C-alpha atoms as a PDB file:
ATOM      1  CA  MET A   1     113.347 107.458 123.835  1.00  0.00           C
ATOM      2  CA  ARG A   2     111.898 109.644 121.236  1.00  0.00           C
ATOM      3  CA  ILE A   3     110.409 107.979 118.332  1.00  0.00           C
ATOM      4  CA  ARG A   4     110.858 109.428 114.862  1.00  0.00           C
ATOM      5  CA  VAL A   5     109.026 108.410 111.828  1.00  0.00           C
ATOM      6  CA  SER A   6     111.267 106.717 108.884  1.00  0.00           C
ATOM      7  CA  PHE A   7     110.862 109.584 106.551  1.00  0.00           C
ATOM      8  CA  VAL A   8     112.092 112.170 108.874  1.00  0.00           C
ATOM      9  CA  ILE A   9     115.844 111.937 108.465  1.00  0.00           C
ATOM     10  CA  PHE A  10     117.217 115.267 108.594  1.00  0.00           C
ATOM     11  CA  ALA A  11     117.999 117.386 111.966  1.00  0.00           C
ATOM     12  CA  LEU A  12     116.980 121.190 110.747  1.00  0.00           C
ATOM     13  CA  ALA A  13     120.391 123.022 110.821  1.00  0.00           C
ATOM     14  CA  LEU A  14     120.748 126.223 112.774  1.00  0.00           C
ATOM     15  CA  LEU A  15     122.016 128.724 110.255  1.00  0.00           C
ATOM     16  CA  SER A  16     123.541 131.976 111.848  1.00  0.00           C
ATOM     17  CA  LEU A  17     123.661 135.608 109.950  1.00  0.00           C
ATOM     18  CA  PRO A  18     127.045 136.508 109.499  1.00  0.00           C
ATOM     19  CA  LEU A  19     128.237 140.045 110.346  1.00  0.00           C
ATOM     20  CA  ALA A  20     130.177 142.013 107.748  1.00  0.00           C
ATOM     21  CA  ALA A  21     133.011 144.118 109.426  1.00  0.00           C
ATOM     22  CA  GLN A  22     135.956 145.921 108.232  1.00  0.00           C
ATOM     23  CA  ARG A  23     139.145 146.652 110.220  1.00  0.00           C
ATOM     24  CA  GLY A  24     140.175 150.186 109.418  1.00  0.00           C
ATOM     25  CA  GLY A  25     143.282 152.215 110.625  1.00  0.00           C
ATOM     26  CA  ARG A  26     141.366 153.510 113.657  1.00  0.00           C
ATOM     27  CA  GLY A  27     139.767 150.243 114.710  1.00  0.00           C
ATOM     28  CA  ASN A  28     136.659 148.136 113.917  1.00  0.00           C
ATOM     29  CA  ALA A  29     134.138 149.852 111.449  1.00  0.00           C
ATOM     30  CA  ALA A  30     130.516 149.341 112.148  1.00  0.00           C
ATOM     31  CA  ALA A  31     128.657 146.286 110.693  1.00  0.00           C
ATOM     32  CA  ALA A  32     127.618 146.414 107.067  1.00  0.00           C
ATOM     33  CA  PRO A  33     123.913 147.447 106.746  1.00  0.00           C
ATOM     34  CA  SER A  34     121.395 144.589 105.404  1.00  0.00           C
ATOM     35  CA  PRO A  35     121.276 144.465 101.581  1.00  0.00           C
ATOM     36  CA  PRO A  36     118.193 146.121 100.042  1.00  0.00           C
ATOM     37  CA  HIS A  37     115.106 144.163  99.715  1.00  0.00           C
ATOM     38  CA  ASP A  38     111.458 144.834  98.391  1.00  0.00           C
ATOM     39  CA  PRO A  39     109.211 143.607 101.454  1.00  0.00           C
ATOM     40  CA  HIS A  40     106.543 142.975  98.738  1.00  0.00           C
ATOM     41  CA  ASP A  41     108.712 140.312  96.755  1.00  0.00           C
ATOM     42  CA  LEU A  42     108.973 137.027  98.654  1.00  0.00           C
ATOM     43  CA  THR A  43     110.773 135.474  95.604  1.00  0.00           C
ATOM     44  CA  GLY A  44     113.527 132.896  96.317  1.00  0.00           C
ATOM     45  CA  ILE A  45     114.059 129.741  97.925  1.00  0.00           C
ATOM     46  CA  TRP A  46     113.415 129.487 101.606  1.00  0.00           C
ATOM     47  CA  ASN A  47     113.909 126.746 104.497  1.00  0.00           C
ATOM     48  CA  LEU A  48     113.017 126.510 107.862  1.00  0.00           C
ATOM     49  CA  ALA A  49     115.553 127.914 110.544  1.00  0.00           C
ATOM     50  CA  GLY A  50     117.003 125.461 112.879  1.00  0.00           C
ATOM     51  CA  GLY A  51     115.027 124.938 116.208  1.00  0.00           C
ATOM     52  CA  THR A  52     111.539 125.648 114.568  1.00  0.00           C
ATOM     53  CA  ASP A  53     109.042 123.481 116.186  1.00  0.00           C
ATOM     54  CA  LEU A  54     107.042 121.096 113.805  1.00  0.00           C
ATOM     55  CA  SER A  55     103.552 122.046 114.589  1.00  0.00           C
ATOM     56  CA  LEU A  56     101.603 125.157 114.793  1.00  0.00           C
ATOM     57  CA  SER A  57     102.430 125.308 118.758  1.00  0.00           C
ATOM     58  CA  ARG A  58     103.194 122.964 121.098  1.00  0.00           C
ATOM     59  CA  THR A  59     100.054 123.170 123.003  1.00  0.00           C
ATOM     60  CA  PRO A  60      97.081 122.801 120.792  1.00  0.00           C
ATOM     61  CA  PRO A  61      93.705 124.245 122.166  1.00  0.00           C
ATOM     62  CA  PRO A  62      91.098 121.789 123.733  1.00  0.00           C
ATOM     63  CA  LEU A  63      89.204 119.601 121.310  1.00  0.00           C
ATOM     64  CA  THR A  64      85.314 119.220 120.932  1.00  0.00           C
ATOM     65  CA  PRO A  65      83.970 115.784 121.649  1.00  0.00           C
ATOM     66  CA  GLU A  66      83.986 115.224 117.794  1.00  0.00           C
ATOM     67  CA  GLY A  67      87.764 116.486 117.449  1.00  0.00           C
ATOM     68  CA  GLN A  68      88.889 114.156 120.395  1.00  0.00           C
ATOM     69  CA  ARG A  69      87.189 111.035 118.722  1.00  0.00           C
ATOM     70  CA  LYS A  70      89.148 111.895 115.541  1.00  0.00           C
ATOM     71  CA  PHE A  71      92.147 112.463 117.676  1.00  0.00           C
ATOM     72  CA  ASP A  72      92.258 109.338 119.383  1.00  0.00           C
ATOM     73  CA  LEU A  73      92.335 107.536 116.127  1.00  0.00           C
ATOM     74  CA  ASN A  74      95.604 108.585 114.920  1.00  0.00           C
ATOM     75  CA  LYS A  75      98.909 106.717 115.829  1.00  0.00           C
ATOM     76  CA  PRO A  76     101.577 108.657 115.247  1.00  0.00           C
ATOM     77  CA  SER A  77     105.337 107.545 115.243  1.00  0.00           C
ATOM     78  CA  TYR A  78     106.766 110.881 116.396  1.00  0.00           C
ATOM     79  CA  GLY A  79     107.060 112.268 119.818  1.00  0.00           C
ATOM     80  CA  ARG A  80     107.726 110.581 123.325  1.00  0.00           C
ATOM     81  CA  GLU A  81     107.151 106.716 123.182  1.00  0.00           C
ATOM     82  CA  LEU A  82     103.528 106.020 124.615  1.00  0.00           C
ATOM     83  CA  GLY A  83     103.448 104.298 127.952  1.00  0.00           C
ATOM     84  CA  SER A  84     107.409 105.080 128.517  1.00  0.00           C
ATOM     85  CA  ALA A  85     109.145 106.568 131.639  1.00  0.00           C
ATOM     86  CA  ASP A  86     110.312 109.221 129.353  1.00  0.00           C
ATOM     87  CA  ALA A  87     106.509 110.193 128.724  1.00  0.00           C
ATOM     88  CA  ALA A  88     105.698 109.881 132.234  1.00  0.00           C
ATOM     89  CA  ALA A  89     108.593 112.144 133.204  1.00  0.00           C
ATOM     90  CA  HIS A  90     106.805 115.054 131.101  1.00  0.00           C
ATOM     91  CA  PRO A  91     103.218 115.208 132.092  1.00  0.00           C
ATOM     92  CA  GLU A  92     103.380 119.123 131.381  1.00  0.00           C
ATOM     93  CA  GLU A  93     103.678 118.054 127.516  1.00  0.00           C
ATOM     94  CA  HIS A  94     100.355 117.870 125.553  1.00  0.00           C
ATOM     95  CA  ILE A  95      99.283 114.268 125.122  1.00  0.00           C
ATOM     96  CA  SER A  96      99.989 114.946 121.384  1.00  0.00           C
ATOM     97  CA  ARG A  97     103.821 114.705 122.197  1.00  0.00           C
ATOM     98  CA  ARG A  98     103.534 111.625 124.414  1.00  0.00           C
ATOM     99  CA  ARG A  99     101.771 108.922 122.454  1.00  0.00           C
ATOM    100  CA  GLY A 100     104.399 107.810 119.958  1.00  0.00           C
ATOM    101  CA  VAL A 101     104.409 104.388 118.768  1.00  0.00           C
ATOM    102  CA  PRO A 102     106.963 102.323 116.461  1.00  0.00           C
ATOM    103  CA  PRO A 103     106.043 103.187 112.698  1.00  0.00           C
ATOM    104  CA  ALA A 104     104.926  99.749 111.915  1.00  0.00           C
ATOM    105  CA  LEU A 105     102.322 100.160 114.615  1.00  0.00           C
ATOM    106  CA  GLY A 106     101.107 103.638 113.668  1.00  0.00           C
ATOM    107  CA  ASN A 107      98.624 104.807 111.099  1.00  0.00           C
ATOM    108  CA  ASP A 108     100.336 108.014 109.835  1.00  0.00           C
ATOM    109  CA  PRO A 109      99.188 108.587 106.269  1.00  0.00           C
ATOM    110  CA  ILE A 110     102.480 109.467 104.867  1.00  0.00           C
ATOM    111  CA  GLY A 111     103.605 105.920 105.673  1.00  0.00           C
ATOM    112  CA  ASP A 112     101.903 104.988 102.608  1.00  0.00           C
ATOM    113  CA  CYS A 113     103.364 107.922 100.629  1.00  0.00           C
ATOM    114  CA  ASN A 114      99.888 109.867 100.743  1.00  0.00           C
ATOM    115  CA  PRO A 115     100.345 113.764 100.592  1.00  0.00           C
ATOM    116  CA  LEU A 116     101.286 115.648 103.885  1.00  0.00           C
ATOM    117  CA  GLY A 117      98.531 118.151 103.246  1.00  0.00           C
ATOM    118  CA  TRP A 118      98.467 121.453 104.609  1.00  0.00           C
ATOM    119  CA  PRO A 119      99.659 122.940 106.733  1.00  0.00           C
ATOM    120  CA  ARG A 120     101.689 119.714 107.720  1.00  0.00           C
ATOM    121  CA  LEU A 121     103.934 120.263 104.553  1.00  0.00           C
ATOM    122  CA  LEU A 122     105.106 123.750 105.824  1.00  0.00           C
ATOM    123  CA  PHE A 123     106.508 121.771 109.073  1.00  0.00           C
ATOM    124  CA  PHE A 124     108.489 118.933 107.300  1.00  0.00           C
ATOM    125  CA  GLY A 125     111.689 120.928 107.055  1.00  0.00           C
ATOM    126  CA  ARG A 126     112.000 120.989 103.333  1.00  0.00           C
ATOM    127  CA  PRO A 127     112.807 124.044 101.334  1.00  0.00           C
ATOM    128  CA  VAL A 128     110.268 125.739  99.325  1.00  0.00           C
ATOM    129  CA  GLU A 129     110.765 128.193  96.046  1.00  0.00           C
ATOM    130  CA  ILE A 130     108.148 130.925  95.728  1.00  0.00           C
ATOM    131  CA  VAL A 131     107.450 132.421  92.500  1.00  0.00           C
ATOM    132  CA  GLN A 132     105.104 135.763  92.200  1.00  0.00           C
ATOM    133  CA  LEU A 133     103.116 136.292  88.967  1.00  0.00           C
ATOM    134  CA  PRO A 134     100.663 138.992  88.512  1.00  0.00           C
ATOM    135  CA  ASP A 135      97.460 137.027  89.484  1.00  0.00           C
ATOM    136  CA  ARG A 136      99.035 134.400  91.762  1.00  0.00           C
ATOM    137  CA  VAL A 137     101.945 133.562  93.936  1.00  0.00           C
ATOM    138  CA  VAL A 138     103.056 129.667  93.396  1.00  0.00           C
ATOM    139  CA  GLN A 139     105.110 127.757  96.026  1.00  0.00           C
ATOM    140  CA  PHE A 140     107.072 124.952  94.884  1.00  0.00           C
ATOM    141  CA  TRP A 141     107.958 122.380  97.464  1.00  0.00           C
ATOM    142  CA  GLU A 142     110.864 120.022  97.581  1.00  0.00           C
ATOM    143  CA  TRP A 143     109.266 117.137  99.299  1.00  0.00           C
ATOM    144  CA  THR A 144     107.067 115.185  96.828  1.00  0.00           C
ATOM    145  CA  HIS A 145     107.835 118.041  94.312  1.00  0.00           C
ATOM    146  CA  VAL A 146     104.329 119.552  94.880  1.00  0.00           C
ATOM    147  CA  TRP A 147     103.155 123.133  94.137  1.00  0.00           C
ATOM    148  CA  ARG A 148     100.644 125.174  96.009  1.00  0.00           C
ATOM    149  CA  THR A 149      98.655 128.118  94.184  1.00  0.00           C
ATOM    150  CA  ILE A 150      97.694 131.179  96.140  1.00  0.00           C
ATOM    151  CA  TRP A 151      95.493 133.398  93.944  1.00  0.00           C
ATOM    152  CA  THR A 152      95.712 137.232  94.286  1.00  0.00           C
ATOM    153  CA  ASP A 153      93.587 138.376  91.525  1.00  0.00           C
ATOM    154  CA  GLY A 154      90.951 139.537  93.946  1.00  0.00           C
ATOM    155  CA  ARG A 155      88.837 136.561  93.925  1.00  0.00           C
ATOM    156  CA  GLN A 156      87.008 135.193  96.990  1.00  0.00           C
ATOM    157  CA  LEU A 157      87.411 131.911  98.851  1.00  0.00           C
ATOM    158  CA  PRO A 158      84.862 129.312  97.667  1.00  0.00           C
ATOM    159  CA  LYS A 159      81.743 128.742  99.786  1.00  0.00           C
ATOM    160  CA  ASP A 160      81.480 125.046  99.467  1.00  0.00           C
ATOM    161  CA  PRO A 161      84.718 123.858  97.905  1.00  0.00           C
ATOM    162  CA  ASP A 162      85.657 120.483  96.900  1.00  0.00           C
ATOM    163  CA  LEU A 163      88.170 119.034  99.239  1.00  0.00           C
ATOM    164  CA  ARG A 164      91.705 119.046  98.314  1.00  0.00           C
ATOM    165  CA  TRP A 165      94.968 117.801  99.596  1.00  0.00           C
ATOM    166  CA  TYR A 166      96.536 121.262  99.820  1.00  0.00           C
ATOM    167  CA  GLY A 167      93.199 123.442 100.075  1.00  0.00           C
ATOM    168  CA  TYR A 168      92.027 126.490  98.231  1.00  0.00           C
ATOM    169  CA  SER A 169      94.199 129.692  98.983  1.00  0.00           C
ATOM    170  CA  VAL A 170      93.565 133.417  98.158  1.00  0.00           C
ATOM    171  CA  GLY A 171      96.038 135.921  99.134  1.00  0.00           C
ATOM    172  CA  ARG A 172      96.426 139.653  99.694  1.00  0.00           C
ATOM    173  CA  TRP A 173      98.768 142.402 100.929  1.00  0.00           C
ATOM    174  CA  GLU A 174      98.163 144.387 104.101  1.00  0.00           C
ATOM    175  CA  GLY A 175     101.231 146.615 104.414  1.00  0.00           C
ATOM    176  CA  ASP A 176     104.251 144.433 104.255  1.00  0.00           C
ATOM    177  CA  THR A 177     102.459 141.250 105.120  1.00  0.00           C
ATOM    178  CA  PHE A 178     101.194 138.790 102.481  1.00  0.00           C
ATOM    179  CA  VAL A 179      98.150 137.262 104.295  1.00  0.00           C
ATOM    180  CA  VAL A 180      96.743 133.897 102.735  1.00  0.00           C
ATOM    181  CA  GLU A 181      93.587 132.534 103.765  1.00  0.00           C
ATOM    182  CA  THR A 182      93.042 128.753 102.901  1.00  0.00           C
ATOM    183  CA  VAL A 183      89.901 126.340 103.306  1.00  0.00           C
ATOM    184  CA  GLY A 184      88.773 122.977 101.648  1.00  0.00           C
ATOM    185  CA  VAL A 185      91.594 120.865 103.120  1.00  0.00           C
ATOM    186  CA  ASP A 186      91.207 117.145 102.957  1.00  0.00           C
ATOM    187  CA  ASP A 187      90.505 116.251 106.607  1.00  0.00           C
ATOM    188  CA  ARG A 188      92.066 112.784 106.085  1.00  0.00           C
ATOM    189  CA  THR A 189      95.489 114.795 106.446  1.00  0.00           C
ATOM    190  CA  TRP A 190      97.034 115.535 109.745  1.00  0.00           C
ATOM    191  CA  VAL A 191      98.054 118.913 110.975  1.00  0.00           C
ATOM    192  CA  ASP A 192     101.517 117.811 112.156  1.00  0.00           C
ATOM    193  CA  HIS A 193     103.542 114.886 112.600  1.00  0.00           C
ATOM    194  CA  PHE A 194     102.115 114.502 116.047  1.00  0.00           C
ATOM    195  CA  GLY A 195      98.718 113.424 114.747  1.00  0.00           C
ATOM    196  CA  ASP A 196      96.915 116.601 115.560  1.00  0.00           C
ATOM    197  CA  VAL A 197      93.506 116.862 113.513  1.00  0.00           C
ATOM    198  CA  HIS A 198      91.620 119.292 111.653  1.00  0.00           C
ATOM    199  CA  SER A 199      88.004 118.878 109.939  1.00  0.00           C
ATOM    200  CA  ASP A 200      86.847 119.710 106.683  1.00  0.00           C
ATOM    201  CA  GLU A 201      85.672 123.207 107.947  1.00  0.00           C
ATOM    202  CA  MET A 202      89.171 124.252 108.996  1.00  0.00           C
ATOM    203  CA  HIS A 203      89.983 127.991 108.005  1.00  0.00           C
ATOM    204  CA  LEU A 204      93.549 128.938 108.237  1.00  0.00           C
ATOM    205  CA  THR A 205      95.187 132.473 108.086  1.00  0.00           C
ATOM    206  CA  GLU A 206      98.685 132.581 107.396  1.00  0.00           C
ATOM    207  CA  ARG A 207     100.719 136.009 107.448  1.00  0.00           C
ATOM    208  CA  TRP A 208     103.879 136.031 105.463  1.00  0.00           C
ATOM    209  CA  ARG A 209     106.384 138.920 106.462  1.00  0.00           C
ATOM    210  CA  ARG A 210     109.927 139.495 104.858  1.00  0.00           C
ATOM    211  CA  LEU A 211     111.710 141.049 107.722  1.00  0.00           C
ATOM    212  CA  ASP A 212     115.056 141.696 105.561  1.00  0.00           C
ATOM    213  CA  ARG A 213     116.539 140.432 102.628  1.00  0.00           C
ATOM    214  CA  ASP A 214     117.422 137.057 104.199  1.00  0.00           C
ATOM    215  CA  ASN A 215     115.116 136.418 106.874  1.00  0.00           C
ATOM    216  CA  MET A 216     111.084 135.794 106.845  1.00  0.00           C
ATOM    217  CA  GLU A 217     108.558 135.019 109.527  1.00  0.00           C
ATOM    218  CA  VAL A 218     105.323 133.279 108.957  1.00  0.00           C
ATOM    219  CA  THR A 219     102.655 133.218 111.612  1.00  0.00           C
ATOM    220  CA  MET A 220      99.434 131.073 111.566  1.00  0.00           C
ATOM    221  CA  VAL A 221      95.851 130.842 113.230  1.00  0.00           C
ATOM    222  CA  MET A 222      93.765 127.997 112.626  1.00  0.00           C
ATOM    223  CA  ASP A 223      90.135 128.328 113.213  1.00  0.00           C
ATOM    224  CA  ASP A 224      88.260 125.201 113.169  1.00  0.00           C
ATOM    225  CA  PRO A 225      85.236 125.251 115.458  1.00  0.00           C
ATOM    226  CA  LYS A 226      83.968 121.543 114.672  1.00  0.00           C
ATOM    227  CA  PHE A 227      87.218 120.186 116.123  1.00  0.00           C
ATOM    228  CA  TYR A 228      88.419 122.803 118.315  1.00  0.00           C
ATOM    229  CA  THR A 229      86.918 124.950 121.146  1.00  0.00           C
ATOM    230  CA  ARG A 230      88.647 128.029 120.083  1.00  0.00           C
ATOM    231  CA  PRO A 231      91.313 129.284 117.497  1.00  0.00           C
ATOM    232  CA  TRP A 232      94.590 127.670 117.673  1.00  0.00           C
ATOM    233  CA  THR A 233      97.264 130.399 117.376  1.00  0.00           C
ATOM    234  CA  GLY A 234     100.281 129.403 115.995  1.00  0.00           C
ATOM    235  CA  GLU A 235     104.214 129.988 117.017  1.00  0.00           C
ATOM    236  CA  LYS A 236     106.203 132.175 114.827  1.00  0.00           C
ATOM    237  CA  LYS A 237     108.064 130.407 112.214  1.00  0.00           C
ATOM    238  CA  MET A 238     111.327 131.829 110.816  1.00  0.00           C
ATOM    239  CA  TRP A 239     112.579 131.004 107.105  1.00  0.00           C
ATOM    240  CA  ARG A 240     115.993 131.711 105.677  1.00  0.00           C
ATOM    241  CA  LEU A 241     116.740 132.672 102.203  1.00  0.00           C
ATOM    242  CA  GLN A 242     118.988 129.863 100.466  1.00  0.00           C
ATOM    243  CA  PRO A 243     120.233 131.727  97.418  1.00  0.00           C
ATOM    244  CA  LYS A 244     122.615 129.159  96.388  1.00  0.00           C
ATOM    245  CA  ARG A 245     120.076 126.292  96.913  1.00  0.00           C
ATOM    246  CA  GLU A 246     118.086 124.242  94.111  1.00  0.00           C
ATOM    247  CA  ILE A 247     114.797 122.679  94.542  1.00  0.00           C
ATOM    248  CA  ARG A 248     115.692 118.901  94.061  1.00  0.00           C
ATOM    249  CA  GLU A 249     113.503 115.771  93.301  1.00  0.00           C
ATOM    250  CA  GLU A 250     112.558 114.442  96.570  1.00  0.00           C
ATOM    251  CA  PHE A 251     109.741 111.859  96.438  1.00  0.00           C
ATOM    252  CA  CYS A 252     107.990 109.366  98.616  1.00  0.00           C
ATOM    253  CA  ALA A 253     108.075 106.640  96.238  1.00  0.00           C
ATOM    254  CA  PRO A 254     105.509 103.419  97.199  1.00  0.00           C
ATOM    255  CA  ILE A 255     108.204 100.817  95.632  1.00  0.00           C
ATOM    256  CA  ASP A 256     110.780 102.158  98.112  1.00  0.00           C
ATOM    257  CA  GLU A 257     108.417 102.595 100.965  1.00  0.00           C
ATOM    258  CA  GLN A 258     107.382  99.148 100.743  1.00  0.00           C
ATOM    259  CA  SER A 259     110.964  97.907 100.659  1.00  0.00           C
ATOM    260  CA  PHE A 260     111.858  99.821 103.496  1.00  0.00           C
ATOM    261  CA  ASN A 261     108.983  98.678 105.611  1.00  0.00           C
ATOM    262  CA  GLN A 262     109.792  94.966 105.010  1.00  0.00           C
ATOM    263  CA  ARG A 263     113.545  95.495 105.501  1.00  0.00           C
ATOM    264  CA  THR A 264     113.552  97.990 108.608  1.00  0.00           C
ATOM    265  CA  ARG A 265     110.078  99.293 109.759  1.00  0.00           C
ATOM    266  CA  ASN A 266     108.049  96.086 110.316  1.00  0.00           C
ATOM    267  CA  PRO A 267     110.786  94.132 112.117  1.00  0.00           C
ATOM    268  CA  ALA A 268     111.591  97.169 114.375  1.00  0.00           C
ATOM    269  CA  GLY A 269     107.989  97.393 115.383  1.00  0.00           C
ATOM    270  CA  GLY A 270     108.042  93.543 116.071  1.00  0.00           C
ATOM    271  CA  LEU A 271     106.149  92.507 113.009  1.00  0.00           C
ATOM    272  CA  ASN A 272     107.288  89.718 110.668  1.00  0.00           C
ATOM    273  CA  LYS A 273     108.652  90.317 107.309  1.00  0.00           C
ATOM    274  CA  LYS A 274     106.021  89.680 104.459  1.00  0.00           C
END
């Protein structure tokens, strides 16, 4: 049995790109070309395409002893149930995918409405609106209505930044690819729903590339020698433009979460209502 955290309630829908074709007098016409777009303009509302894995990749690199100690403390409620026959039947999967516990027995920070952090917010399956300004790119995320600032005015990453939930980011263009570097992410956050870890020394490099008007790919490399023996190269994430969508208000409100815990989560985990 797969266990899911209570707040992950939407399945990501696989969106298909329709082909425009016209039937002429002499047969089918060729598909219409993709509408023009500026590859250096990422403006718009985007959402993860269906089937995207909700982590950097399914197989993290080996942990250092310090990273392993931190990893073992996390008790996620996502993935195959810890100790179940289902988990035992898939030894090829990384242990992070086979250690799920009931939410009431887990310690996922978001269970108490703490910020997701970065890069976990990117994997949460909610849309983002990207706005480009002369000196920065701003990402407005639907989940918890947070924004992320990526400075493009030429400044360098800070050497010893104060830790932030979403870190400190600078960006630059390399050809048609927007390259973002992020440091200073609070190490109390998880990398993903599976409780994978990062340290306060994590350095994340993202590459955002608009393929055509409606599709964008994002790749990431996480360098964290304090917790991992080698950089973690992520799988490609595909994003789709949502021209008719708007960013809705979606919060994790403690007053709602507490009620849900008492009515549903705690009883499901075998805990008494308070």
